[in-house]
Amino acid sequence: MKFEINGLDKLQRGLRDASDALKALDGKIGSVHFKPNDPASVDAAVSEVNAMIDTQGCRLVNVCDCRRVI
């Protein structure tokens, strides 16, 4: 009995790319400073963090063809 499996090289490449992207997300992305009792300061910090995530997320989208779900 003979059988053939196609696409393993593509799968391996995709897994390697995904691994590289996830390694890039490991660790510190950035830092923000805010005043906990000041809603405007907290909102600004949240916006800064979202921007940092979006910047890092673009690398994931390019590597893995992932889609960010909000």
Protein backbone atom coordinates (compact mmCIF):
# COMPACT_ATOMS: atom_id res chain seq x y z
CA MET A 1 0.00 0.00 0.00
CA LYS A 2 1.40 3.40 -0.99
CA PHE A 3 0.10 6.80 0.03
CA GLU A 4 1.34 10.35 -0.34
CA ILE A 5 1.01 13.35 1.95
CA ASN A 6 1.15 16.74 0.28
CA GLY A 7 1.61 20.15 1.87
CA LEU A 8 3.82 19.23 4.82
CA ASP A 9 6.48 21.74 3.76
CA LYS A 10 3.88 24.50 3.67
CA LEU A 11 2.58 23.47 7.10
CA GLN A 12 6.11 23.40 8.55
CA ARG A 13 6.84 26.84 7.11
CA GLY A 14 3.61 28.21 8.55
CA LEU A 15 4.33 26.75 11.98
CA ARG A 16 7.87 28.15 11.92
CA ASP A 17 6.55 31.60 10.96
CA ALA A 18 3.89 31.47 13.69
CA SER A 19 6.52 30.44 16.24
CA ASP A 20 8.73 33.39 15.23
CA ALA A 21 5.79 35.79 15.53
CA LEU A 22 4.82 34.50 18.96
CA LYS A 23 8.43 34.78 20.16
CA ALA A 24 8.37 38.42 19.06
CA LEU A 25 5.40 39.02 21.36
CA ASP A 26 7.10 37.40 24.35
CA GLY A 27 8.35 39.88 26.90
CA LYS A 28 7.84 43.58 27.28
CA ILE A 29 5.99 45.43 24.53
CA GLY A 30 6.21 48.83 26.18
CA SER A 31 5.24 50.80 29.22
CA VAL A 32 2.81 53.57 30.02
CA HIS A 33 2.41 55.92 32.93
CA PHE A 34 -0.96 57.14 34.16
CA LYS A 35 -2.77 58.58 37.15
CA PRO A 36 -5.16 55.89 38.43
CA ASN A 37 -7.66 58.40 39.77
CA ASP A 38 -7.77 60.46 36.57
CA PRO A 39 -10.13 58.93 33.98
CA ALA A 40 -8.57 60.95 31.14
CA SER A 41 -5.11 59.70 32.10
CA VAL A 42 -6.36 56.10 32.22
CA ASP A 43 -8.07 56.49 28.83
CA ALA A 44 -4.88 57.92 27.32
CA ALA A 45 -2.86 55.01 28.73
CA VAL A 46 -5.33 52.50 27.29
CA SER A 47 -5.01 54.19 23.89
CA GLU A 48 -1.22 54.00 24.11
CA VAL A 49 -1.33 50.30 24.97
CA ASN A 50 -3.74 49.63 22.10
CA ALA A 51 -1.36 51.40 19.72
CA MET A 52 1.54 49.27 20.99
CA ILE A 53 -0.49 46.09 20.51
CA ASP A 54 -1.53 47.18 17.03
CA THR A 55 2.10 47.81 16.10
CA GLN A 56 3.15 44.37 17.33
CA GLY A 57 -0.02 42.84 15.89
CA CYS A 58 0.84 44.05 12.39
CA ARG A 59 3.89 41.82 12.52
CA LEU A 60 1.66 38.88 13.41
CA VAL A 61 -0.80 39.63 10.62
CA ASN A 62 2.03 39.82 8.10
CA VAL A 63 3.60 36.58 9.29
CA CYS A 64 0.57 34.43 10.11
CA ASP A 65 -2.18 36.09 8.10
CA CYS A 66 -4.09 36.35 11.39
CA ARG A 67 -7.02 38.67 11.93
CA ARG A 68 -7.42 40.67 15.13
CA VAL A 69 -10.81 40.13 16.71
CA ILE A 70 -12.18 42.82 19.00
